[in-house]
C-alpha atoms as a PDB file:
ATOM      1  CA  UNK A   1       0.004   0.009   0.013  1.00  0.00           C
ATOM      2  CA  UNK A   2       1.222   3.467  -0.873  1.00  0.00           C
ATOM      3  CA  UNK A   3       1.399   6.401   1.386  1.00  0.00           C
ATOM      4  CA  UNK A   4      -0.645   9.529   0.796  1.00  0.00           C
ATOM      5  CA  UNK A   5       1.196  12.738   1.323  1.00  0.00           C
ATOM      6  CA  UNK A   6      -0.574  16.115   1.399  1.00  0.00           C
ATOM      7  CA  UNK A   7       1.290  19.246   0.805  1.00  0.00           C
ATOM      8  CA  UNK A   8       0.520  22.590   2.314  1.00  0.00           C
ATOM      9  CA  UNK A   9      -0.349  23.954  -1.181  1.00  0.00           C
ATOM     10  CA  UNK A  10      -2.907  21.247  -1.683  1.00  0.00           C
ATOM     11  CA  UNK A  11      -4.499  21.979   1.754  1.00  0.00           C
ATOM     12  CA  UNK A  12      -4.748  25.700   0.829  1.00  0.00           C
ATOM     13  CA  UNK A  13      -6.207  24.878  -2.505  1.00  0.00           C
ATOM     14  CA  UNK A  14      -8.836  22.622  -1.018  1.00  0.00           C
ATOM     15  CA  UNK A  15      -9.809  25.306   1.504  1.00  0.00           C
ATOM     16  CA  UNK A  16     -10.122  28.043  -1.128  1.00  0.00           C
ATOM     17  CA  UNK A  17     -13.763  27.381  -2.102  1.00  0.00           C
ATOM     18  CA  UNK A  18     -14.739  27.428   1.580  1.00  0.00           C
ATOM     19  CA  UNK A  19     -12.934  30.751   2.061  1.00  0.00           C
ATOM     20  CA  UNK A  20     -14.933  32.251  -0.850  1.00  0.00           C
ATOM     21  CA  UNK A  21     -18.225  31.154   0.652  1.00  0.00           C
ATOM     22  CA  UNK A  22     -17.352  32.661   3.986  1.00  0.00           C
ATOM     23  CA  UNK A  23     -16.883  36.230   2.540  1.00  0.00           C
ATOM     24  CA  UNK A  24     -20.630  36.773   2.241  1.00  0.00           C
ATOM     25  CA  UNK A  25     -22.186  38.523   5.190  1.00  0.00           C
ATOM     26  CA  UNK A  26     -25.177  37.118   6.938  1.00  0.00           C
ATOM     27  CA  UNK A  27     -28.445  39.042   6.574  1.00  0.00           C
ATOM     28  CA  UNK A  28     -31.138  39.244   9.261  1.00  0.00           C
ATOM     29  CA  UNK A  29     -34.444  38.867   7.419  1.00  0.00           C
ATOM     30  CA  UNK A  30     -36.723  38.653  10.544  1.00  0.00           C
ATOM     31  CA  UNK A  31     -36.515  38.900  14.287  1.00  0.00           C
ATOM     32  CA  UNK A  32     -39.107  36.830  16.209  1.00  0.00           C
ATOM     33  CA  UNK A  33     -39.608  36.555  19.920  1.00  0.00           C
ATOM     34  CA  UNK A  34     -41.707  33.908  21.746  1.00  0.00           C
ATOM     35  CA  UNK A  35     -42.961  35.503  24.941  1.00  0.00           C
ATOM     36  CA  UNK A  36     -44.485  32.140  26.015  1.00  0.00           C
ATOM     37  CA  UNK A  37     -42.329  29.080  25.359  1.00  0.00           C
ATOM     38  CA  UNK A  38     -43.673  26.873  22.532  1.00  0.00           C
ATOM     39  CA  UNK A  39     -46.464  29.370  21.625  1.00  0.00           C
ATOM     40  CA  UNK A  40     -46.748  31.613  18.604  1.00  0.00           C
ATOM     41  CA  UNK A  41     -43.904  34.057  17.729  1.00  0.00           C
ATOM     42  CA  UNK A  42     -44.245  37.817  17.548  1.00  0.00           C
ATOM     43  CA  UNK A  43     -42.257  39.575  14.839  1.00  0.00           C
ATOM     44  CA  UNK A  44     -40.454  42.676  16.014  1.00  0.00           C
ATOM     45  CA  UNK A  45     -38.435  45.281  14.135  1.00  0.00           C
ATOM     46  CA  UNK A  46     -35.694  45.286  16.796  1.00  0.00           C
ATOM     47  CA  UNK A  47     -34.772  43.453  19.919  1.00  0.00           C
ATOM     48  CA  UNK A  48     -32.492  44.279  22.944  1.00  0.00           C
ATOM     49  CA  UNK A  49     -30.151  41.489  23.857  1.00  0.00           C
ATOM     50  CA  UNK A  50     -29.856  40.652  27.567  1.00  0.00           C
ATOM     51  CA  UNK A  51     -27.841  38.043  29.383  1.00  0.00           C
ATOM     52  CA  UNK A  52     -30.765  35.661  28.917  1.00  0.00           C
ATOM     53  CA  UNK A  53     -31.165  36.385  25.113  1.00  0.00           C
ATOM     54  CA  UNK A  54     -33.684  38.664  23.427  1.00  0.00           C
ATOM     55  CA  UNK A  55     -35.634  40.821  25.828  1.00  0.00           C
ATOM     56  CA  UNK A  56     -39.128  39.357  26.343  1.00  0.00           C
ATOM     57  CA  UNK A  57     -38.199  36.035  24.631  1.00  0.00           C
ATOM     58  CA  UNK A  58     -39.410  32.882  26.410  1.00  0.00           C
ATOM     59  CA  UNK A  59     -39.933  34.527  29.647  1.00  0.00           C
ATOM     60  CA  UNK A  60     -43.036  32.478  30.463  1.00  0.00           C
ATOM     61  CA  UNK A  61     -44.130  28.848  29.981  1.00  0.00           C
ATOM     62  CA  UNK A  62     -47.284  26.963  30.470  1.00  0.00           C
ATOM     63  CA  UNK A  63     -47.120  24.477  33.446  1.00  0.00           C
ATOM     64  CA  UNK A  64     -49.523  22.135  35.156  1.00  0.00           C
ATOM     65  CA  UNK A  65     -49.523  20.425  38.441  1.00  0.00           C
ATOM     66  CA  UNK A  66     -48.121  16.954  38.467  1.00  0.00           C
ATOM     67  CA  UNK A  67     -50.859  14.599  39.615  1.00  0.00           C
ATOM     68  CA  UNK A  68     -52.649  17.483  41.323  1.00  0.00           C
ATOM     69  CA  UNK A  69     -49.641  17.996  43.685  1.00  0.00           C
ATOM     70  CA  UNK A  70     -49.161  21.769  44.329  1.00  0.00           C
ATOM     71  CA  UNK A  71     -45.495  21.208  45.168  1.00  0.00           C
ATOM     72  CA  UNK A  72     -44.596  19.645  41.765  1.00  0.00           C
ATOM     73  CA  UNK A  73     -45.146  21.381  38.390  1.00  0.00           C
ATOM     74  CA  UNK A  74     -44.467  20.114  34.943  1.00  0.00           C
ATOM     75  CA  UNK A  75     -43.900  21.982  31.647  1.00  0.00           C
ATOM     76  CA  UNK A  76     -46.832  21.524  29.056  1.00  0.00           C
ATOM     77  CA  UNK A  77     -45.414  20.715  25.601  1.00  0.00           C
ATOM     78  CA  UNK A  78     -47.592  22.065  22.768  1.00  0.00           C
ATOM     79  CA  UNK A  79     -46.801  19.054  20.593  1.00  0.00           C
ATOM     80  CA  UNK A  80     -48.004  16.709  23.290  1.00  0.00           C
ATOM     81  CA  UNK A  81     -51.236  18.633  23.657  1.00  0.00           C
ATOM     82  CA  UNK A  82     -51.972  18.395  19.889  1.00  0.00           C
ATOM     83  CA  UNK A  83     -51.520  22.151  19.340  1.00  0.00           C
END
């Protein structure tokens, strides 16, 4: 079996198409926030970023008592509820 040797020039040449693709700048086409987790989004023109993400995004969630026990709560998943 022969050995495969890769030169630095070959590595640069192989990376060139990737470098060309990376020159394009990303474009933000929409900003959506979800005030209630797993519920409908709200489109906004701008959003402030906090240490928790976009301001007002996923600040609330729907929960229910676990087996009627007031000390235990579980998150309600929209998909599980057929929403």
